Amino acid sequence: MVDREKILAVLRKRFPGASVTDIAAAANAIVGLGDEWQEVSDTTDLQHLVDRLRHGHEFRLFERRTEP
């Protein structure tokens, strides 16, 4: 289980200019990811994502697990 307070602390440190509302929304989204989701390590090469990566964007892709 993810500790929401730890998530809030990390988000505040990582995004010091973000509003309290934005930090809370991001924490809610992270905490809301259930155990049925896992990070994808091998992804399909999509040109759109590649272009955005080249411009400094960072992506984390998740997929729903098919097994319980």
N, C-alpha and C. Protein backbone atom coordinates (compact mmCIF):
# COMPACT_ATOMS: atom_id res chain seq x y z
N MET A 1 0.83 -1.17 0.00
CA MET A 1 0.00 0.00 0.00
C MET A 1 0.88 1.25 0.00
N VAL A 2 0.49 2.24 -0.76
CA VAL A 2 1.26 3.46 -0.91
C VAL A 2 0.87 4.45 0.19
N ASP A 3 1.85 5.06 0.81
CA ASP A 3 1.62 6.06 1.85
C ASP A 3 1.38 7.42 1.19
N ARG A 4 0.15 7.92 1.27
CA ARG A 4 -0.22 9.17 0.60
C ARG A 4 0.63 10.35 1.09
N GLU A 5 0.96 10.40 2.35
CA GLU A 5 1.76 11.51 2.89
C GLU A 5 3.17 11.51 2.28
N LYS A 6 3.74 10.34 2.08
CA LYS A 6 5.05 10.26 1.43
C LYS A 6 4.96 10.74 -0.01
N ILE A 7 3.89 10.34 -0.68
CA ILE A 7 3.67 10.79 -2.06
C ILE A 7 3.56 12.31 -2.12
N LEU A 8 2.79 12.88 -1.21
CA LEU A 8 2.64 14.34 -1.16
C LEU A 8 3.98 15.03 -0.94
N ALA A 9 4.79 14.50 -0.03
CA ALA A 9 6.10 15.08 0.26
C ALA A 9 7.00 15.05 -0.97
N VAL A 10 7.01 13.94 -1.67
CA VAL A 10 7.83 13.82 -2.88
C VAL A 10 7.35 14.78 -3.96
N LEU A 11 6.04 14.86 -4.16
CA LEU A 11 5.50 15.75 -5.18
C LEU A 11 5.78 17.21 -4.86
N ARG A 12 5.66 17.60 -3.59
CA ARG A 12 5.95 18.99 -3.20
C ARG A 12 7.41 19.33 -3.47
N LYS A 13 8.30 18.39 -3.18
CA LYS A 13 9.73 18.63 -3.41
C LYS A 13 10.05 18.67 -4.90
N ARG A 14 9.45 17.76 -5.65
CA ARG A 14 9.74 17.64 -7.09
C ARG A 14 9.14 18.78 -7.90
N PHE A 15 7.96 19.28 -7.46
CA PHE A 15 7.25 20.34 -8.19
C PHE A 15 6.93 21.51 -7.25
N PRO A 16 7.96 22.26 -6.84
CA PRO A 16 7.76 23.31 -5.85
C PRO A 16 6.80 24.42 -6.29
N GLY A 17 6.64 24.64 -7.56
CA GLY A 17 5.75 25.70 -8.05
C GLY A 17 4.32 25.26 -8.27
N ALA A 18 4.04 23.99 -8.06
CA ALA A 18 2.69 23.47 -8.31
C ALA A 18 1.73 23.91 -7.20
N SER A 19 0.47 24.08 -7.58
CA SER A 19 -0.54 24.47 -6.61
C SER A 19 -0.88 23.30 -5.69
N VAL A 20 -1.46 23.62 -4.55
CA VAL A 20 -1.89 22.59 -3.60
C VAL A 20 -2.90 21.66 -4.26
N THR A 21 -3.78 22.23 -5.08
CA THR A 21 -4.79 21.43 -5.78
C THR A 21 -4.15 20.45 -6.75
N ASP A 22 -3.16 20.92 -7.50
CA ASP A 22 -2.49 20.04 -8.46
C ASP A 22 -1.73 18.92 -7.75
N ILE A 23 -1.06 19.26 -6.66
CA ILE A 23 -0.33 18.25 -5.88
C ILE A 23 -1.30 17.20 -5.34
N ALA A 24 -2.43 17.66 -4.81
CA ALA A 24 -3.43 16.73 -4.26
C ALA A 24 -3.99 15.83 -5.35
N ALA A 25 -4.27 16.40 -6.53
CA ALA A 25 -4.81 15.60 -7.64
C ALA A 25 -3.81 14.55 -8.09
N ALA A 26 -2.54 14.93 -8.18
CA ALA A 26 -1.51 13.98 -8.58
C ALA A 26 -1.37 12.86 -7.55
N ALA A 27 -1.38 13.21 -6.28
CA ALA A 27 -1.28 12.20 -5.22
C ALA A 27 -2.47 11.25 -5.27
N ASN A 28 -3.66 11.80 -5.48
CA ASN A 28 -4.86 10.96 -5.58
C ASN A 28 -4.74 9.98 -6.74
N ALA A 29 -4.21 10.44 -7.86
CA ALA A 29 -4.07 9.57 -9.03
C ALA A 29 -3.06 8.46 -8.75
N ILE A 30 -1.96 8.80 -8.10
CA ILE A 30 -0.94 7.79 -7.81
C ILE A 30 -1.45 6.77 -6.80
N VAL A 31 -2.07 7.26 -5.73
CA VAL A 31 -2.58 6.37 -4.69
C VAL A 31 -3.70 5.49 -5.25
N GLY A 32 -4.43 6.01 -6.23
CA GLY A 32 -5.54 5.26 -6.81
C GLY A 32 -5.14 4.12 -7.71
N LEU A 33 -3.86 4.03 -8.06
CA LEU A 33 -3.42 2.91 -8.89
C LEU A 33 -3.41 1.65 -8.03
N GLY A 34 -4.23 0.71 -8.40
CA GLY A 34 -4.33 -0.52 -7.62
C GLY A 34 -3.24 -1.52 -7.96
N ASP A 35 -3.23 -2.62 -7.25
CA ASP A 35 -2.23 -3.66 -7.47
C ASP A 35 -2.40 -4.35 -8.82
N GLU A 36 -3.57 -4.15 -9.45
CA GLU A 36 -3.78 -4.80 -10.73
C GLU A 36 -3.04 -4.08 -11.87
N TRP A 37 -2.36 -2.97 -11.55
CA TRP A 37 -1.60 -2.22 -12.55
C TRP A 37 -0.12 -2.45 -12.33
N GLN A 38 0.62 -2.54 -13.44
CA GLN A 38 2.07 -2.69 -13.36
C GLN A 38 2.71 -1.80 -14.40
N GLU A 39 3.93 -1.35 -14.12
CA GLU A 39 4.65 -0.52 -15.06
C GLU A 39 5.11 -1.37 -16.24
N VAL A 40 4.99 -0.81 -17.43
CA VAL A 40 5.39 -1.51 -18.65
C VAL A 40 6.84 -1.19 -18.94
N SER A 41 7.67 -2.22 -19.07
CA SER A 41 9.09 -1.98 -19.33
C SER A 41 9.45 -2.12 -20.80
N ASP A 42 8.70 -2.89 -21.54
CA ASP A 42 8.97 -3.04 -22.98
C ASP A 42 7.75 -2.53 -23.74
N THR A 43 7.90 -1.39 -24.39
CA THR A 43 6.76 -0.75 -25.05
C THR A 43 6.94 -0.74 -26.56
N THR A 44 5.84 -0.56 -27.24
CA THR A 44 5.86 -0.42 -28.69
C THR A 44 6.45 0.94 -29.03
N ASP A 45 7.29 0.99 -30.03
CA ASP A 45 7.92 2.24 -30.45
C ASP A 45 6.91 3.09 -31.20
N LEU A 46 6.37 4.08 -30.57
CA LEU A 46 5.41 4.97 -31.19
C LEU A 46 6.09 6.31 -31.48
N GLN A 47 6.01 6.74 -32.73
CA GLN A 47 6.73 7.94 -33.14
C GLN A 47 6.34 9.17 -32.32
N HIS A 48 5.09 9.29 -31.97
CA HIS A 48 4.65 10.44 -31.18
C HIS A 48 5.35 10.49 -29.83
N LEU A 49 5.43 9.37 -29.16
CA LEU A 49 6.10 9.32 -27.87
C LEU A 49 7.59 9.59 -28.01
N VAL A 50 8.17 9.07 -29.06
CA VAL A 50 9.59 9.28 -29.30
C VAL A 50 9.89 10.76 -29.49
N ASP A 51 9.05 11.43 -30.26
CA ASP A 51 9.25 12.86 -30.48
C ASP A 51 9.15 13.63 -29.16
N ARG A 52 8.18 13.28 -28.35
CA ARG A 52 8.02 13.97 -27.07
C ARG A 52 9.19 13.65 -26.13
N LEU A 53 9.66 12.42 -26.16
CA LEU A 53 10.82 12.06 -25.35
C LEU A 53 12.05 12.88 -25.74
N ARG A 54 12.21 13.08 -27.03
CA ARG A 54 13.34 13.88 -27.51
C ARG A 54 13.27 15.32 -27.03
N HIS A 55 12.08 15.77 -26.72
CA HIS A 55 11.90 17.14 -26.23
C HIS A 55 11.87 17.21 -24.71
N GLY A 56 12.30 16.15 -24.05
CA GLY A 56 12.45 16.19 -22.61
C GLY A 56 11.30 15.66 -21.79
N HIS A 57 10.25 15.15 -22.43
CA HIS A 57 9.13 14.60 -21.68
C HIS A 57 9.51 13.23 -21.11
N GLU A 58 8.94 12.90 -19.98
CA GLU A 58 9.18 11.60 -19.36
C GLU A 58 7.85 10.87 -19.28
N PHE A 59 7.86 9.60 -19.61
CA PHE A 59 6.64 8.80 -19.59
C PHE A 59 6.84 7.57 -18.74
N ARG A 60 5.80 7.20 -18.05
CA ARG A 60 5.73 5.92 -17.36
C ARG A 60 4.45 5.28 -17.85
N LEU A 61 4.56 4.13 -18.45
CA LEU A 61 3.40 3.44 -18.99
C LEU A 61 2.99 2.30 -18.06
N PHE A 62 1.70 2.17 -17.86
CA PHE A 62 1.16 1.13 -17.01
C PHE A 62 0.15 0.32 -17.78
N GLU A 63 0.05 -0.94 -17.44
CA GLU A 63 -0.98 -1.80 -18.03
C GLU A 63 -1.65 -2.59 -16.92
N ARG A 64 -2.90 -2.95 -17.16
CA ARG A 64 -3.62 -3.73 -16.18
C ARG A 64 -3.17 -5.18 -16.26
N ARG A 65 -2.89 -5.78 -15.12
CA ARG A 65 -2.46 -7.17 -15.09
C ARG A 65 -3.63 -8.06 -15.47
N THR A 66 -3.36 -9.11 -16.20
CA THR A 66 -4.41 -10.03 -16.62
C THR A 66 -4.62 -11.17 -15.63
N GLU A 67 -3.63 -11.39 -14.77
CA GLU A 67 -3.74 -12.46 -13.79
C GLU A 67 -4.01 -11.86 -12.41
N PRO A 68 -4.71 -12.58 -11.57
CA PRO A 68 -5.04 -12.05 -10.24
C PRO A 68 -3.85 -11.92 -9.31
